PDB file of N, CA and C in Angstrom:
ATOM      1  N   UNK A   1      32.491  33.227  68.594  1.00  0.00           N
ATOM      2  CA  UNK A   1      31.185  32.682  68.878  1.00  0.00           C
ATOM      3  C   UNK A   1      30.344  33.796  69.472  1.00  0.00           C
ATOM      4  N   UNK A   2      29.198  34.021  68.887  1.00  0.00           N
ATOM      5  CA  UNK A   2      28.300  35.083  69.314  1.00  0.00           C
ATOM      6  C   UNK A   2      27.305  34.525  70.331  1.00  0.00           C
ATOM      7  N   UNK A   3      27.517  34.862  71.603  1.00  0.00           N
ATOM      8  CA  UNK A   3      26.628  34.352  72.654  1.00  0.00           C
ATOM      9  C   UNK A   3      25.644  35.407  73.144  1.00  0.00           C
ATOM     10  N   UNK A   4      25.470  36.470  72.374  1.00  0.00           N
ATOM     11  CA  UNK A   4      24.510  37.486  72.800  1.00  0.00           C
ATOM     12  C   UNK A   4      23.068  37.019  72.576  1.00  0.00           C
ATOM     13  N   UNK A   5      22.860  36.120  71.655  1.00  0.00           N
ATOM     14  CA  UNK A   5      21.543  35.566  71.384  1.00  0.00           C
ATOM     15  C   UNK A   5      21.274  34.449  72.397  1.00  0.00           C
ATOM     16  N   UNK A   6      20.135  34.476  73.086  1.00  0.00           N
ATOM     17  CA  UNK A   6      19.838  33.422  74.074  1.00  0.00           C
ATOM     18  C   UNK A   6      19.790  32.016  73.475  1.00  0.00           C
ATOM     19  N   UNK A   7      19.357  31.893  72.231  1.00  0.00           N
ATOM     20  CA  UNK A   7      19.308  30.573  71.589  1.00  0.00           C
ATOM     21  C   UNK A   7      20.727  30.024  71.398  1.00  0.00           C
ATOM     22  N   UNK A   8      21.644  30.892  70.992  1.00  0.00           N
ATOM     23  CA  UNK A   8      23.039  30.459  70.841  1.00  0.00           C
ATOM     24  C   UNK A   8      23.627  30.051  72.182  1.00  0.00           C
ATOM     25  N   UNK A   9      23.304  30.768  73.219  1.00  0.00           N
ATOM     26  CA  UNK A   9      23.793  30.440  74.555  1.00  0.00           C
ATOM     27  C   UNK A   9      23.231  29.096  75.018  1.00  0.00           C
ATOM     28  N   UNK A  10      21.964  28.841  74.738  1.00  0.00           N
ATOM     29  CA  UNK A  10      21.338  27.577  75.090  1.00  0.00           C
ATOM     30  C   UNK A  10      21.971  26.415  74.320  1.00  0.00           C
ATOM     31  N   UNK A  11      22.204  26.597  73.025  1.00  0.00           N
ATOM     32  CA  UNK A  11      22.825  25.551  72.211  1.00  0.00           C
ATOM     33  C   UNK A  11      24.232  25.246  72.707  1.00  0.00           C
ATOM     34  N   UNK A  12      25.001  26.291  73.001  1.00  0.00           N
ATOM     35  CA  UNK A  12      26.365  26.093  73.503  1.00  0.00           C
ATOM     36  C   UNK A  12      26.338  25.395  74.863  1.00  0.00           C
ATOM     37  N   UNK A  13      25.403  25.771  75.725  1.00  0.00           N
ATOM     38  CA  UNK A  13      25.290  25.132  77.024  1.00  0.00           C
ATOM     39  C   UNK A  13      24.955  23.662  76.927  1.00  0.00           C
ATOM     40  N   UNK A  14      24.006  23.327  76.060  1.00  0.00           N
ATOM     41  CA  UNK A  14      23.638  21.927  75.853  1.00  0.00           C
ATOM     42  C   UNK A  14      24.825  21.144  75.303  1.00  0.00           C
ATOM     43  N   UNK A  15      25.561  21.754  74.371  1.00  0.00           N
ATOM     44  CA  UNK A  15      26.742  21.088  73.805  1.00  0.00           C
ATOM     45  C   UNK A  15      27.758  20.764  74.897  1.00  0.00           C
ATOM     46  N   UNK A  16      28.060  21.745  75.748  1.00  0.00           N
ATOM     47  CA  UNK A  16      29.077  21.518  76.776  1.00  0.00           C
ATOM     48  C   UNK A  16      28.614  20.532  77.847  1.00  0.00           C
ATOM     49  N   UNK A  17      27.341  20.508  78.156  1.00  0.00           N
ATOM     50  CA  UNK A  17      26.820  19.517  79.106  1.00  0.00           C
ATOM     51  C   UNK A  17      26.930  18.116  78.507  1.00  0.00           C
ATOM     52  N   UNK A  18      26.570  17.967  77.236  1.00  0.00           N
ATOM     53  CA  UNK A  18      26.682  16.658  76.580  1.00  0.00           C
ATOM     54  C   UNK A  18      28.135  16.194  76.486  1.00  0.00           C
ATOM     55  N   UNK A  19      29.035  17.121  76.173  1.00  0.00           N
ATOM     56  CA  UNK A  19      30.452  16.769  76.118  1.00  0.00           C
ATOM     57  C   UNK A  19      30.940  16.331  77.495  1.00  0.00           C
ATOM     58  N   UNK A  20      30.498  17.002  78.534  1.00  0.00           N
ATOM     59  CA  UNK A  20      30.882  16.615  79.892  1.00  0.00           C
ATOM     60  C   UNK A  20      30.382  15.226  80.252  1.00  0.00           C
ATOM     61  N   UNK A  21      29.140  14.922  79.911  1.00  0.00           N
ATOM     62  CA  UNK A  21      28.589  13.595  80.191  1.00  0.00           C
ATOM     63  C   UNK A  21      29.305  12.501  79.419  1.00  0.00           C
ATOM     64  N   UNK A  22      29.561  12.746  78.142  1.00  0.00           N
ATOM     65  CA  UNK A  22      30.265  11.760  77.327  1.00  0.00           C
ATOM     66  C   UNK A  22      31.689  11.570  77.842  1.00  0.00           C
ATOM     67  N   UNK A  23      32.313  12.635  78.296  1.00  0.00           N
ATOM     68  CA  UNK A  23      33.666  12.531  78.861  1.00  0.00           C
ATOM     69  C   UNK A  23      33.673  11.681  80.123  1.00  0.00           C
ATOM     70  N   UNK A  24      32.685  11.869  80.985  1.00  0.00           N
ATOM     71  CA  UNK A  24      32.607  11.060  82.202  1.00  0.00           C
ATOM     72  C   UNK A  24      32.399   9.582  81.886  1.00  0.00           C
ATOM     73  N   UNK A  25      31.512   9.293  80.937  1.00  0.00           N
ATOM     74  CA  UNK A  25      31.298   7.900  80.542  1.00  0.00           C
ATOM     75  C   UNK A  25      32.551   7.317  79.901  1.00  0.00           C
ATOM     76  N   UNK A  26      33.266   8.128  79.139  1.00  0.00           N
ATOM     77  CA  UNK A  26      34.501   7.657  78.513  1.00  0.00           C
ATOM     78  C   UNK A  26      35.564   7.360  79.559  1.00  0.00           C
ATOM     79  N   UNK A  27      35.701   8.232  80.537  1.00  0.00           N
ATOM     80  CA  UNK A  27      36.663   7.992  81.599  1.00  0.00           C
ATOM     81  C   UNK A  27      36.317   6.720  82.373  1.00  0.00           C
ATOM     82  N   UNK A  28      35.045   6.508  82.611  1.00  0.00           N
ATOM     83  CA  UNK A  28      34.614   5.295  83.300  1.00  0.00           C
ATOM     84  C   UNK A  28      34.932   4.061  82.465  1.00  0.00           C
ATOM     85  N   UNK A  29      34.698   4.136  81.159  1.00  0.00           N
ATOM     86  CA  UNK A  29      35.011   3.018  80.278  1.00  0.00           C
ATOM     87  C   UNK A  29      36.494   2.703  80.240  1.00  0.00           C
ATOM     88  N   UNK A  30      37.323   3.745  80.195  1.00  0.00           N
ATOM     89  CA  UNK A  30      38.771   3.539  80.210  1.00  0.00           C
ATOM     90  C   UNK A  30      39.210   2.960  81.551  1.00  0.00           C
ATOM     91  N   UNK A  31      38.610   3.423  82.634  1.00  0.00           N
ATOM     92  CA  UNK A  31      38.930   2.871  83.954  1.00  0.00           C
ATOM     93  C   UNK A  31      38.607   1.382  84.013  1.00  0.00           C
ATOM     94  N   UNK A  32      37.436   1.004  83.523  1.00  0.00           N
ATOM     95  CA  UNK A  32      37.041  -0.408  83.521  1.00  0.00           C
ATOM     96  C   UNK A  32      38.009  -1.220  82.667  1.00  0.00           C
ATOM     97  N   UNK A  33      38.397  -0.670  81.515  1.00  0.00           N
ATOM     98  CA  UNK A  33      39.331  -1.375  80.642  1.00  0.00           C
ATOM     99  C   UNK A  33      40.675  -1.598  81.327  1.00  0.00           C
ATOM    100  N   UNK A  34      41.190  -0.556  81.967  1.00  0.00           N
ATOM    101  CA  UNK A  34      42.491  -0.671  82.623  1.00  0.00           C
ATOM    102  C   UNK A  34      42.391  -1.555  83.868  1.00  0.00           C
ATOM    103  N   UNK A  35      41.330  -1.418  84.628  1.00  0.00           N
ATOM    104  CA  UNK A  35      41.198  -2.157  85.888  1.00  0.00           C
ATOM    105  C   UNK A  35      40.989  -3.645  85.661  1.00  0.00           C
ATOM    106  N   UNK A  36      40.132  -3.988  84.699  1.00  0.00           N
ATOM    107  CA  UNK A  36      39.754  -5.384  84.517  1.00  0.00           C
ATOM    108  C   UNK A  36      40.276  -5.998  83.215  1.00  0.00           C
ATOM    109  N   UNK A  37      41.135  -5.278  82.496  1.00  0.00           N
ATOM    110  CA  UNK A  37      41.698  -5.820  81.264  1.00  0.00           C
ATOM    111  C   UNK A  37      42.668  -6.961  81.543  1.00  0.00           C
ATOM    112  N   UNK A  38      42.857  -7.818  80.567  1.00  0.00           N
ATOM    113  CA  UNK A  38      43.741  -8.970  80.747  1.00  0.00           C
ATOM    114  C   UNK A  38      45.204  -8.537  80.768  1.00  0.00           C
ATOM    115  N   UNK A  39      45.576  -7.669  79.856  1.00  0.00           N
ATOM    116  CA  UNK A  39      46.970  -7.251  79.736  1.00  0.00           C
ATOM    117  C   UNK A  39      47.055  -5.748  79.955  1.00  0.00           C
ATOM    118  N   UNK A  40      47.849  -5.332  80.907  1.00  0.00           N
ATOM    119  CA  UNK A  40      47.954  -3.911  81.223  1.00  0.00           C
ATOM    120  C   UNK A  40      48.547  -3.098  80.068  1.00  0.00           C
ATOM    121  N   UNK A  41      49.607  -3.532  79.389  1.00  0.00           N
ATOM    122  CA  UNK A  41      50.117  -2.741  78.252  1.00  0.00           C
ATOM    123  C   UNK A  41      49.091  -2.616  77.123  1.00  0.00           C
ATOM    124  N   UNK A  42      48.357  -3.678  76.850  1.00  0.00           N
ATOM    125  CA  UNK A  42      47.329  -3.616  75.814  1.00  0.00           C
ATOM    126  C   UNK A  42      46.213  -2.655  76.224  1.00  0.00           C
ATOM    127  N   UNK A  43      45.810  -2.700  77.470  1.00  0.00           N
ATOM    128  CA  UNK A  43      44.758  -1.805  77.952  1.00  0.00           C
ATOM    129  C   UNK A  43      45.201  -0.350  77.872  1.00  0.00           C
ATOM    130  N   UNK A  44      46.452  -0.071  78.243  1.00  0.00           N
ATOM    131  CA  UNK A  44      46.953   1.303  78.145  1.00  0.00           C
ATOM    132  C   UNK A  44      47.032   1.766  76.701  1.00  0.00           C
ATOM    133  N   UNK A  45      47.471   0.906  75.802  1.00  0.00           N
ATOM    134  CA  UNK A  45      47.561   1.311  74.404  1.00  0.00           C
ATOM    135  C   UNK A  45      46.176   1.575  73.814  1.00  0.00           C
ATOM    136  N   UNK A  46      45.198   0.743  74.156  1.00  0.00           N
ATOM    137  CA  UNK A  46      43.827   0.976  73.690  1.00  0.00           C
ATOM    138  C   UNK A  46      43.285   2.277  74.277  1.00  0.00           C
ATOM    139  N   UNK A  47      43.578   2.555  75.543  1.00  0.00           N
ATOM    140  CA  UNK A  47      43.107   3.779  76.174  1.00  0.00           C
ATOM    141  C   UNK A  47      43.725   5.015  75.524  1.00  0.00           C
ATOM    142  N   UNK A  48      44.989   4.943  75.166  1.00  0.00           N
ATOM    143  CA  UNK A  48      45.653   6.086  74.516  1.00  0.00           C
ATOM    144  C   UNK A  48      45.071   6.329  73.127  1.00  0.00           C
ATOM    145  N   UNK A  49      44.874   5.261  72.361  1.00  0.00           N
ATOM    146  CA  UNK A  49      44.283   5.412  71.030  1.00  0.00           C
ATOM    147  C   UNK A  49      42.864   5.971  71.143  1.00  0.00           C
ATOM    148  N   UNK A  50      42.102   5.468  72.100  1.00  0.00           N
ATOM    149  CA  UNK A  50      40.741   5.974  72.310  1.00  0.00           C
ATOM    150  C   UNK A  50      40.765   7.458  72.681  1.00  0.00           C
ATOM    151  N   UNK A  51      41.691   7.846  73.553  1.00  0.00           N
ATOM    152  CA  UNK A  51      41.781   9.250  73.960  1.00  0.00           C
ATOM    153  C   UNK A  51      42.116  10.143  72.771  1.00  0.00           C
ATOM    154  N   UNK A  52      43.002   9.699  71.898  1.00  0.00           N
ATOM    155  CA  UNK A  52      43.347  10.501  70.720  1.00  0.00           C
ATOM    156  C   UNK A  52      42.153  10.650  69.782  1.00  0.00           C
ATOM    157  N   UNK A  53      41.434   9.557  69.547  1.00  0.00           N
ATOM    158  CA  UNK A  53      40.230   9.648  68.719  1.00  0.00           C
ATOM    159  C   UNK A  53      39.185  10.558  69.369  1.00  0.00           C
ATOM    160  N   UNK A  54      39.005  10.439  70.669  1.00  0.00           N
ATOM    161  CA  UNK A  54      38.024  11.260  71.372  1.00  0.00           C
ATOM    162  C   UNK A  54      38.389  12.742  71.268  1.00  0.00           C
ATOM    163  N   UNK A  55      39.658  13.071  71.443  1.00  0.00           N
ATOM    164  CA  UNK A  55      40.085  14.469  71.336  1.00  0.00           C
ATOM    165  C   UNK A  55      39.925  15.002  69.917  1.00  0.00           C
ATOM    166  N   UNK A  56      40.182  14.181  68.914  1.00  0.00           N
ATOM    167  CA  UNK A  56      40.002  14.592  67.524  1.00  0.00           C
ATOM    168  C   UNK A  56      38.531  14.878  67.242  1.00  0.00           C
ATOM    169  N   UNK A  57      37.648  14.002  67.692  1.00  0.00           N
ATOM    170  CA  UNK A  57      36.212  14.215  67.493  1.00  0.00           C
ATOM    171  C   UNK A  57      35.748  15.451  68.256  1.00  0.00           C
ATOM    172  N   UNK A  58      36.236  15.638  69.468  1.00  0.00           N
ATOM    173  CA  UNK A  58      35.874  16.811  70.265  1.00  0.00           C
ATOM    174  C   UNK A  58      36.327  18.094  69.588  1.00  0.00           C
ATOM    175  N   UNK A  59      37.520  18.094  69.009  1.00  0.00           N
ATOM    176  CA  UNK A  59      38.027  19.273  68.316  1.00  0.00           C
ATOM    177  C   UNK A  59      37.151  19.611  67.104  1.00  0.00           C
ATOM    178  N   UNK A  60      36.775  18.596  66.333  1.00  0.00           N
ATOM    179  CA  UNK A  60      35.945  18.818  65.147  1.00  0.00           C
ATOM    180  C   UNK A  60      34.555  19.342  65.522  1.00  0.00           C
ATOM    181  N   UNK A  61      33.942  18.762  66.546  1.00  0.00           N
ATOM    182  CA  UNK A  61      32.611  19.227  66.929  1.00  0.00           C
ATOM    183  C   UNK A  61      32.660  20.629  67.518  1.00  0.00           C
ATOM    184  N   UNK A  62      33.728  20.944  68.231  1.00  0.00           N
ATOM    185  CA  UNK A  62      33.865  22.291  68.779  1.00  0.00           C
ATOM    186  C   UNK A  62      34.024  23.328  67.655  1.00  0.00           C
ATOM    187  N   UNK A  63      34.810  22.996  66.638  1.00  0.00           N
ATOM    188  CA  UNK A  63      34.958  23.911  65.495  1.00  0.00           C
ATOM    189  C   UNK A  63      33.640  24.074  64.759  1.00  0.00           C
ATOM    190  N   UNK A  64      32.877  22.990  64.629  1.00  0.00           N
ATOM    191  CA  UNK A  64      31.575  23.072  63.983  1.00  0.00           C
ATOM    192  C   UNK A  64      30.628  23.946  64.789  1.00  0.00           C
ATOM    193  N   UNK A  65      30.638  23.799  66.104  1.00  0.00           N
ATOM    194  CA  UNK A  65      29.789  24.628  66.963  1.00  0.00           C
ATOM    195  C   UNK A  65      30.151  26.094  66.829  1.00  0.00           C
ATOM    196  N   UNK A  66      31.429  26.418  66.829  1.00  0.00           N
ATOM    197  CA  UNK A  66      31.860  27.805  66.678  1.00  0.00           C
ATOM    198  C   UNK A  66      31.475  28.355  65.314  1.00  0.00           C
ATOM    199  N   UNK A  67      31.567  27.529  64.274  1.00  0.00           N
ATOM    200  CA  UNK A  67      31.184  27.994  62.936  1.00  0.00           C
ATOM    201  C   UNK A  67      29.681  28.229  62.849  1.00  0.00           C
ATOM    202  N   UNK A  68      28.891  27.375  63.484  1.00  0.00           N
ATOM    203  CA  UNK A  68      27.429  27.540  63.444  1.00  0.00           C
ATOM    204  C   UNK A  68      26.964  28.754  64.235  1.00  0.00           C
ATOM    205  N   UNK A  69      27.632  29.039  65.332  1.00  0.00           N
ATOM    206  CA  UNK A  69      27.174  30.139  66.200  1.00  0.00           C
ATOM    207  C   UNK A  69      27.851  31.469  65.893  1.00  0.00           C
ATOM    208  N   UNK A  70      28.683  31.517  64.871  1.00  0.00           N
ATOM    209  CA  UNK A  70      29.352  32.785  64.506  1.00  0.00           C
ATOM    210  C   UNK A  70      28.486  33.630  63.617  1.00  0.00           C
TER     211      UNK A  70
END
Protein backbone atom coordinates (compact mmCIF):
# COMPACT_ATOMS: atom_id res chain seq x y z
CA UNK A 1 0.00 0.00 0.00
CA UNK A 2 1.47 3.30 -1.10
CA UNK A 3 0.84 5.87 1.63
CA UNK A 4 3.19 8.53 0.31
CA UNK A 5 0.27 10.27 -1.40
CA UNK A 6 -1.81 12.32 1.09
CA UNK A 7 -5.06 11.26 -0.61
CA UNK A 8 -4.18 7.59 -0.13
CA UNK A 9 -3.37 8.26 3.51
CA UNK A 10 -6.70 10.04 3.99
CA UNK A 11 -8.64 7.20 2.33
CA UNK A 12 -6.87 4.59 4.46
CA UNK A 13 -7.51 6.63 7.60
CA UNK A 14 -11.20 6.99 6.85
CA UNK A 15 -11.41 3.25 6.14
CA UNK A 16 -9.82 2.32 9.46
CA UNK A 17 -11.99 4.77 11.42
CA UNK A 18 -15.14 3.34 9.80
CA UNK A 19 -13.99 -0.22 10.51
CA UNK A 20 -13.39 0.74 14.14
CA UNK A 21 -16.86 2.25 14.48
CA UNK A 22 -18.56 -0.71 12.84
CA UNK A 23 -16.57 -3.06 15.09
CA UNK A 24 -17.72 -1.21 18.21
CA UNK A 25 -21.35 -1.33 17.10
CA UNK A 26 -20.97 -5.02 16.29
CA UNK A 27 -19.50 -5.78 19.69
CA UNK A 28 -22.37 -3.90 21.32
CA UNK A 29 -24.89 -5.86 19.25
CA UNK A 30 -23.30 -9.18 20.21
CA UNK A 31 -23.26 -8.10 23.86
CA UNK A 32 -26.98 -7.28 23.73
CA UNK A 33 -27.68 -10.61 22.04
CA UNK A 34 -25.75 -12.59 24.65
CA UNK A 35 -27.00 -10.56 27.62
CA UNK A 36 -30.69 -10.47 26.75
CA UNK A 37 -31.06 -13.51 24.48
CA UNK A 38 -33.50 -16.24 25.44
CA UNK A 39 -31.09 -19.15 25.07
CA UNK A 40 -27.41 -18.76 25.87
CA UNK A 41 -26.16 -21.54 23.51
CA UNK A 42 -28.21 -20.10 20.65
CA UNK A 43 -26.92 -16.60 21.35
CA UNK A 44 -23.31 -17.82 21.40
CA UNK A 45 -23.74 -19.74 18.16
CA UNK A 46 -25.28 -16.69 16.44
CA UNK A 47 -22.45 -14.52 17.78
CA UNK A 48 -19.80 -16.91 16.45
CA UNK A 49 -21.41 -17.09 13.01
CA UNK A 50 -21.72 -13.30 12.95
CA UNK A 51 -18.06 -12.91 13.94
CA UNK A 52 -16.95 -15.24 11.12
CA UNK A 53 -19.01 -13.33 8.55
CA UNK A 54 -17.71 -10.02 9.89
CA UNK A 55 -14.09 -11.18 9.67
CA UNK A 56 -14.63 -12.47 6.12
CA UNK A 57 -16.11 -9.14 5.02
CA UNK A 58 -13.31 -7.25 6.79
CA UNK A 59 -10.68 -9.36 5.03
CA UNK A 60 -12.25 -8.73 1.61
CA UNK A 61 -12.56 -4.98 2.11
CA UNK A 62 -9.00 -4.76 3.40
CA UNK A 63 -7.69 -6.59 0.31
CA UNK A 64 -9.73 -4.26 -1.89
CA UNK A 65 -8.31 -1.22 -0.11
CA UNK A 66 -4.75 -2.49 -0.55
CA UNK A 67 -5.39 -3.20 -4.24
CA UNK A 68 -6.85 0.28 -4.81
CA UNK A 69 -4.02 2.09 -3.03
CA UNK A 70 -1.17 0.09 -4.59
